[in-house]
N, C-alpha and C. Protein backbone atom coordinates (compact mmCIF):
# COMPACT_ATOMS: atom_id res chain seq x y z
N MET A 1 -18.85 13.40 -0.03
CA MET A 1 -19.38 12.06 -0.21
C MET A 1 -18.85 11.15 0.90
N SER A 2 -19.71 10.31 1.38
CA SER A 2 -19.23 9.35 2.35
C SER A 2 -19.02 8.01 1.67
N TRP A 3 -18.07 7.26 2.17
CA TRP A 3 -17.77 5.96 1.56
C TRP A 3 -18.99 5.05 1.59
N ASP A 4 -19.68 4.98 2.72
CA ASP A 4 -20.82 4.08 2.84
C ASP A 4 -21.92 4.44 1.86
N ARG A 5 -22.20 5.72 1.73
CA ARG A 5 -23.29 6.17 0.87
C ARG A 5 -22.98 5.92 -0.60
N ASP A 6 -21.73 6.08 -0.97
CA ASP A 6 -21.35 6.00 -2.38
C ASP A 6 -20.49 4.78 -2.69
N LYS A 7 -20.60 3.74 -1.88
CA LYS A 7 -19.75 2.56 -2.04
C LYS A 7 -19.85 1.97 -3.44
N LYS A 8 -21.06 1.83 -3.97
CA LYS A 8 -21.22 1.25 -5.31
C LYS A 8 -20.53 2.12 -6.35
N LYS A 9 -20.66 3.42 -6.24
CA LYS A 9 -20.02 4.32 -7.21
C LYS A 9 -18.51 4.12 -7.18
N TYR A 10 -17.93 4.04 -5.99
CA TYR A 10 -16.49 3.86 -5.87
C TYR A 10 -16.06 2.48 -6.37
N GLU A 11 -16.86 1.46 -6.09
CA GLU A 11 -16.52 0.13 -6.57
C GLU A 11 -16.58 0.08 -8.09
N ASP A 12 -17.58 0.73 -8.68
CA ASP A 12 -17.68 0.80 -10.14
C ASP A 12 -16.50 1.56 -10.72
N LEU A 13 -16.09 2.63 -10.05
CA LEU A 13 -14.94 3.40 -10.50
C LEU A 13 -13.68 2.55 -10.44
N ALA A 14 -13.50 1.81 -9.36
CA ALA A 14 -12.34 0.94 -9.24
C ALA A 14 -12.34 -0.11 -10.34
N LYS A 15 -13.50 -0.65 -10.63
CA LYS A 15 -13.62 -1.66 -11.69
C LYS A 15 -13.27 -1.05 -13.04
N SER A 16 -13.73 0.17 -13.31
CA SER A 16 -13.41 0.80 -14.60
C SER A 16 -11.92 1.11 -14.68
N PHE A 17 -11.29 1.45 -13.56
CA PHE A 17 -9.85 1.71 -13.56
C PHE A 17 -9.11 0.47 -14.02
N LEU A 18 -9.55 -0.68 -13.57
CA LEU A 18 -8.86 -1.91 -13.94
C LEU A 18 -9.07 -2.26 -15.41
N LYS A 19 -10.20 -1.93 -15.95
CA LYS A 19 -10.51 -2.28 -17.34
C LYS A 19 -10.01 -1.25 -18.34
N ASP A 20 -10.25 0.02 -18.07
CA ASP A 20 -10.15 1.04 -19.11
C ASP A 20 -8.94 1.97 -19.01
N ILE A 21 -8.34 2.07 -17.88
CA ILE A 21 -7.28 3.07 -17.71
C ILE A 21 -5.97 2.34 -17.47
N ALA A 22 -5.30 1.97 -18.54
CA ALA A 22 -4.10 1.13 -18.46
C ALA A 22 -3.02 1.69 -17.54
N PRO A 23 -2.66 2.98 -17.61
CA PRO A 23 -1.60 3.47 -16.72
C PRO A 23 -1.97 3.31 -15.24
N VAL A 24 -3.23 3.54 -14.92
CA VAL A 24 -3.67 3.41 -13.53
C VAL A 24 -3.70 1.94 -13.13
N ARG A 25 -4.18 1.09 -14.01
CA ARG A 25 -4.20 -0.35 -13.71
C ARG A 25 -2.80 -0.86 -13.43
N GLY A 26 -1.85 -0.44 -14.23
CA GLY A 26 -0.46 -0.86 -14.03
C GLY A 26 0.07 -0.44 -12.67
N LYS A 27 -0.27 0.78 -12.27
CA LYS A 27 0.19 1.29 -10.97
C LYS A 27 -0.46 0.53 -9.82
N ILE A 28 -1.73 0.18 -9.98
CA ILE A 28 -2.41 -0.59 -8.95
C ILE A 28 -1.82 -1.99 -8.86
N GLU A 29 -1.49 -2.57 -10.01
CA GLU A 29 -0.85 -3.89 -10.02
C GLU A 29 0.52 -3.84 -9.35
N GLU A 30 1.24 -2.72 -9.52
CA GLU A 30 2.54 -2.57 -8.86
C GLU A 30 2.39 -2.56 -7.35
N ILE A 31 1.32 -1.97 -6.84
CA ILE A 31 1.06 -1.98 -5.39
C ILE A 31 0.82 -3.42 -4.94
N LYS A 32 0.03 -4.14 -5.70
CA LYS A 32 -0.29 -5.54 -5.36
C LYS A 32 0.98 -6.39 -5.29
N LYS A 33 1.93 -6.11 -6.21
CA LYS A 33 3.18 -6.86 -6.25
C LYS A 33 4.20 -6.36 -5.23
N GLY A 34 3.92 -5.24 -4.59
CA GLY A 34 4.85 -4.67 -3.63
C GLY A 34 5.91 -3.79 -4.26
N GLU A 35 5.75 -3.46 -5.54
CA GLU A 35 6.73 -2.63 -6.24
C GLU A 35 6.48 -1.14 -6.05
N ARG A 36 5.29 -0.79 -5.58
CA ARG A 36 4.91 0.60 -5.39
C ARG A 36 4.20 0.70 -4.05
N ASP A 37 4.35 1.83 -3.42
CA ASP A 37 3.72 2.11 -2.14
C ASP A 37 2.36 2.79 -2.38
N LEU A 38 1.40 2.51 -1.54
CA LEU A 38 0.08 3.12 -1.65
C LEU A 38 0.17 4.64 -1.64
N ASP A 39 1.01 5.19 -0.78
CA ASP A 39 1.14 6.64 -0.70
C ASP A 39 1.69 7.24 -1.99
N GLN A 40 2.52 6.50 -2.71
CA GLN A 40 3.02 6.98 -3.99
C GLN A 40 1.87 7.16 -4.98
N LEU A 41 0.94 6.22 -4.98
CA LEU A 41 -0.19 6.31 -5.89
C LEU A 41 -1.12 7.45 -5.49
N LEU A 42 -1.27 7.66 -4.19
CA LEU A 42 -2.13 8.75 -3.73
C LEU A 42 -1.61 10.11 -4.21
N GLU A 43 -0.31 10.23 -4.42
CA GLU A 43 0.28 11.48 -4.88
C GLU A 43 0.48 11.53 -6.39
N ASP A 44 0.17 10.45 -7.09
CA ASP A 44 0.39 10.35 -8.53
C ASP A 44 -0.56 11.28 -9.29
N SER A 45 -0.01 12.12 -10.17
CA SER A 45 -0.82 13.11 -10.88
C SER A 45 -1.80 12.47 -11.87
N THR A 46 -1.38 11.40 -12.56
CA THR A 46 -2.28 10.73 -13.51
C THR A 46 -3.48 10.12 -12.77
N PHE A 47 -3.19 9.44 -11.69
CA PHE A 47 -4.24 8.83 -10.89
C PHE A 47 -5.22 9.88 -10.38
N ASN A 48 -4.69 10.95 -9.81
CA ASN A 48 -5.55 12.00 -9.26
C ASN A 48 -6.37 12.70 -10.34
N ALA A 49 -5.79 12.93 -11.50
CA ALA A 49 -6.52 13.55 -12.60
C ALA A 49 -7.68 12.67 -13.06
N LYS A 50 -7.43 11.36 -13.16
CA LYS A 50 -8.49 10.44 -13.57
C LYS A 50 -9.60 10.36 -12.53
N LEU A 51 -9.24 10.38 -11.26
CA LEU A 51 -10.26 10.38 -10.21
C LEU A 51 -11.13 11.63 -10.30
N ARG A 52 -10.49 12.79 -10.42
CA ARG A 52 -11.24 14.05 -10.53
C ARG A 52 -12.18 14.01 -11.74
N GLU A 53 -11.67 13.50 -12.85
CA GLU A 53 -12.46 13.41 -14.08
C GLU A 53 -13.68 12.50 -13.89
N GLU A 54 -13.46 11.35 -13.28
CA GLU A 54 -14.54 10.37 -13.10
C GLU A 54 -15.56 10.81 -12.05
N LEU A 55 -15.07 11.39 -10.95
CA LEU A 55 -15.96 11.76 -9.84
C LEU A 55 -16.58 13.14 -10.00
N GLY A 56 -15.91 14.01 -10.74
CA GLY A 56 -16.41 15.37 -10.89
C GLY A 56 -16.04 16.28 -9.74
N HIS A 57 -15.19 15.81 -8.85
CA HIS A 57 -14.69 16.62 -7.73
C HIS A 57 -13.38 16.01 -7.23
N GLU A 58 -12.71 16.74 -6.37
CA GLU A 58 -11.46 16.26 -5.78
C GLU A 58 -11.79 15.35 -4.59
N PRO A 59 -11.51 14.06 -4.70
CA PRO A 59 -11.81 13.15 -3.59
C PRO A 59 -10.83 13.36 -2.42
N THR A 60 -11.30 13.00 -1.24
CA THR A 60 -10.44 13.08 -0.07
C THR A 60 -9.43 11.93 -0.12
N LYS A 61 -8.42 12.02 0.71
CA LYS A 61 -7.41 10.96 0.78
C LYS A 61 -8.07 9.64 1.20
N LYS A 62 -9.02 9.71 2.11
CA LYS A 62 -9.72 8.50 2.56
C LYS A 62 -10.50 7.87 1.40
N GLU A 63 -11.17 8.70 0.60
CA GLU A 63 -11.91 8.18 -0.55
C GLU A 63 -10.96 7.53 -1.55
N LYS A 64 -9.82 8.17 -1.78
CA LYS A 64 -8.83 7.61 -2.71
C LYS A 64 -8.35 6.24 -2.23
N LYS A 65 -8.07 6.13 -0.93
CA LYS A 65 -7.61 4.85 -0.38
C LYS A 65 -8.66 3.77 -0.56
N LYS A 66 -9.93 4.11 -0.33
CA LYS A 66 -11.00 3.12 -0.48
C LYS A 66 -11.12 2.67 -1.93
N ILE A 67 -10.96 3.59 -2.88
CA ILE A 67 -11.01 3.23 -4.30
C ILE A 67 -9.87 2.28 -4.63
N ILE A 68 -8.67 2.59 -4.15
CA ILE A 68 -7.50 1.74 -4.41
C ILE A 68 -7.70 0.37 -3.79
N GLU A 69 -8.17 0.33 -2.54
CA GLU A 69 -8.40 -0.95 -1.87
C GLU A 69 -9.43 -1.79 -2.62
N SER A 70 -10.48 -1.14 -3.11
CA SER A 70 -11.49 -1.85 -3.89
C SER A 70 -10.89 -2.39 -5.18
N ALA A 71 -10.04 -1.60 -5.82
CA ALA A 71 -9.39 -2.04 -7.06
C ALA A 71 -8.43 -3.21 -6.77
N LEU A 72 -7.70 -3.13 -5.67
CA LEU A 72 -6.78 -4.21 -5.31
C LEU A 72 -7.53 -5.53 -5.08
N ASP A 73 -8.72 -5.43 -4.51
CA ASP A 73 -9.53 -6.63 -4.27
C ASP A 73 -9.97 -7.28 -5.58
N ARG A 74 -10.01 -6.51 -6.65
CA ARG A 74 -10.50 -7.02 -7.94
C ARG A 74 -9.38 -7.58 -8.81
N ILE A 75 -8.14 -7.40 -8.41
CA ILE A 75 -7.02 -7.91 -9.22
C ILE A 75 -6.79 -9.37 -8.88
């Protein structure tokens, strides 16, 4: 998947992360506050499992970063 082609899907996923997945939302908020590093979240097993579940495949590191950035913009 390319980011440009699936931008809406990723933005919707980021939005659902903020609303529905409390552990992930908390981790994203920690990045916003500077308490957590982006790379820590990229390696987080809960975050990666939820992404795989929502997307139906293993996203690339670039896709993960775009999802996180979109989520950060919504906080």
